[in-house]
Amino acid sequence: MEFREIIEKRRAVKFFDPNKDVPEDLIRKLVEMATKAPSNLNSQP
């Protein structure tokens, strides 16, 4: 997938289904990836 396609397909989610379970390992992977994302002015809070 090209960057242009990613930008065109992005969207804001305003509703989350409270009945849908999210596996614990997926949450851990997402948090791990988020900690590696760049921070504002490299502040790394």
N, C-alpha and C. Protein backbone atom coordinates (compact mmCIF):
# COMPACT_ATOMS: atom_id res chain seq x y z
N MET A 1 0.85 -1.17 0.00
CA MET A 1 0.00 0.00 0.00
C MET A 1 0.90 1.24 0.00
N GLU A 2 0.56 2.17 -0.84
CA GLU A 2 1.33 3.40 -0.94
C GLU A 2 0.84 4.44 0.06
N PHE A 3 1.70 5.40 0.38
CA PHE A 3 1.37 6.42 1.37
C PHE A 3 0.09 7.17 0.99
N ARG A 4 -0.05 7.46 -0.30
CA ARG A 4 -1.24 8.18 -0.77
C ARG A 4 -2.51 7.40 -0.43
N GLU A 5 -2.48 6.09 -0.62
CA GLU A 5 -3.64 5.25 -0.31
C GLU A 5 -3.96 5.26 1.18
N ILE A 6 -2.92 5.24 2.00
CA ILE A 6 -3.12 5.27 3.45
C ILE A 6 -3.82 6.56 3.85
N ILE A 7 -3.36 7.69 3.31
CA ILE A 7 -3.95 8.99 3.64
C ILE A 7 -5.40 9.05 3.16
N GLU A 8 -5.67 8.55 1.98
CA GLU A 8 -7.02 8.61 1.44
C GLU A 8 -8.00 7.71 2.19
N LYS A 9 -7.51 6.64 2.79
CA LYS A 9 -8.40 5.69 3.47
C LYS A 9 -8.53 5.94 4.97
N ARG A 10 -7.79 6.91 5.50
CA ARG A 10 -7.87 7.15 6.94
C ARG A 10 -9.21 7.78 7.30
N ARG A 11 -9.61 7.59 8.56
CA ARG A 11 -10.87 8.15 9.01
C ARG A 11 -10.85 8.27 10.53
N ALA A 12 -11.71 9.13 11.04
CA ALA A 12 -11.85 9.29 12.48
C ALA A 12 -12.98 8.37 12.94
N VAL A 13 -12.74 7.62 13.98
CA VAL A 13 -13.75 6.70 14.51
C VAL A 13 -14.44 7.38 15.68
N LYS A 14 -15.76 7.51 15.59
CA LYS A 14 -16.51 8.18 16.63
C LYS A 14 -17.37 7.22 17.44
N PHE A 15 -17.35 5.94 17.07
CA PHE A 15 -18.14 4.95 17.78
C PHE A 15 -17.33 3.68 17.93
N PHE A 16 -17.30 3.16 19.13
CA PHE A 16 -16.62 1.91 19.40
C PHE A 16 -17.64 0.93 19.94
N ASP A 17 -17.64 -0.28 19.43
CA ASP A 17 -18.58 -1.31 19.86
C ASP A 17 -18.14 -1.87 21.21
N PRO A 18 -18.87 -1.59 22.28
CA PRO A 18 -18.47 -2.07 23.61
C PRO A 18 -18.58 -3.59 23.75
N ASN A 19 -19.26 -4.25 22.83
CA ASN A 19 -19.43 -5.70 22.90
C ASN A 19 -18.32 -6.47 22.19
N LYS A 20 -17.45 -5.77 21.49
CA LYS A 20 -16.37 -6.43 20.77
C LYS A 20 -15.14 -6.54 21.66
N ASP A 21 -14.67 -7.76 21.85
CA ASP A 21 -13.49 -7.99 22.68
C ASP A 21 -12.21 -7.72 21.89
N VAL A 22 -11.24 -7.14 22.57
CA VAL A 22 -9.92 -6.91 21.99
C VAL A 22 -8.94 -7.80 22.75
N PRO A 23 -8.27 -8.70 22.05
CA PRO A 23 -7.34 -9.61 22.72
C PRO A 23 -6.23 -8.85 23.47
N GLU A 24 -5.89 -9.35 24.64
CA GLU A 24 -4.87 -8.72 25.49
C GLU A 24 -3.53 -8.59 24.76
N ASP A 25 -3.15 -9.61 23.98
CA ASP A 25 -1.86 -9.54 23.27
C ASP A 25 -1.86 -8.44 22.21
N LEU A 26 -3.01 -8.17 21.60
CA LEU A 26 -3.10 -7.08 20.62
C LEU A 26 -2.91 -5.74 21.32
N ILE A 27 -3.53 -5.57 22.47
CA ILE A 27 -3.38 -4.32 23.23
C ILE A 27 -1.93 -4.11 23.59
N ARG A 28 -1.25 -5.16 24.04
CA ARG A 28 0.16 -5.04 24.41
C ARG A 28 1.02 -4.66 23.21
N LYS A 29 0.74 -5.26 22.03
CA LYS A 29 1.50 -4.93 20.83
C LYS A 29 1.28 -3.47 20.42
N LEU A 30 0.03 -3.00 20.52
CA LEU A 30 -0.27 -1.62 20.15
C LEU A 30 0.43 -0.63 21.08
N VAL A 31 0.44 -0.93 22.38
CA VAL A 31 1.12 -0.05 23.33
C VAL A 31 2.62 -0.04 23.06
N GLU A 32 3.17 -1.21 22.75
CA GLU A 32 4.60 -1.29 22.45
C GLU A 32 4.95 -0.47 21.21
N MET A 33 4.12 -0.57 20.17
CA MET A 33 4.37 0.21 18.96
C MET A 33 4.22 1.71 19.24
N ALA A 34 3.24 2.08 20.06
CA ALA A 34 3.02 3.50 20.37
C ALA A 34 4.20 4.10 21.11
N THR A 35 4.87 3.31 21.95
CA THR A 35 6.02 3.84 22.68
C THR A 35 7.21 4.10 21.75
N LYS A 36 7.20 3.50 20.58
CA LYS A 36 8.29 3.70 19.63
C LYS A 36 8.01 4.82 18.62
N ALA A 37 6.81 5.39 18.69
CA ALA A 37 6.44 6.47 17.78
C ALA A 37 7.16 7.75 18.17
N PRO A 38 7.45 8.62 17.22
CA PRO A 38 8.12 9.87 17.54
C PRO A 38 7.25 10.75 18.43
N SER A 39 7.89 11.53 19.29
CA SER A 39 7.17 12.45 20.17
C SER A 39 7.44 13.89 19.74
N ASN A 40 6.60 14.78 20.20
CA ASN A 40 6.73 16.20 19.88
C ASN A 40 8.06 16.75 20.39
N LEU A 41 8.86 17.26 19.51
CA LEU A 41 10.17 17.82 19.85
C LEU A 41 11.05 16.82 20.60
N ASN A 42 10.81 15.53 20.35
CA ASN A 42 11.56 14.44 20.98
C ASN A 42 11.48 14.52 22.51
N SER A 43 10.31 14.95 23.03
CA SER A 43 10.15 15.12 24.48
C SER A 43 10.03 13.79 25.20
N GLN A 44 9.60 12.75 24.54
CA GLN A 44 9.51 11.39 25.07
C GLN A 44 8.94 11.32 26.48
N PRO A 45 7.67 11.76 26.66
CA PRO A 45 7.08 11.75 28.00
C PRO A 45 6.91 10.32 28.53
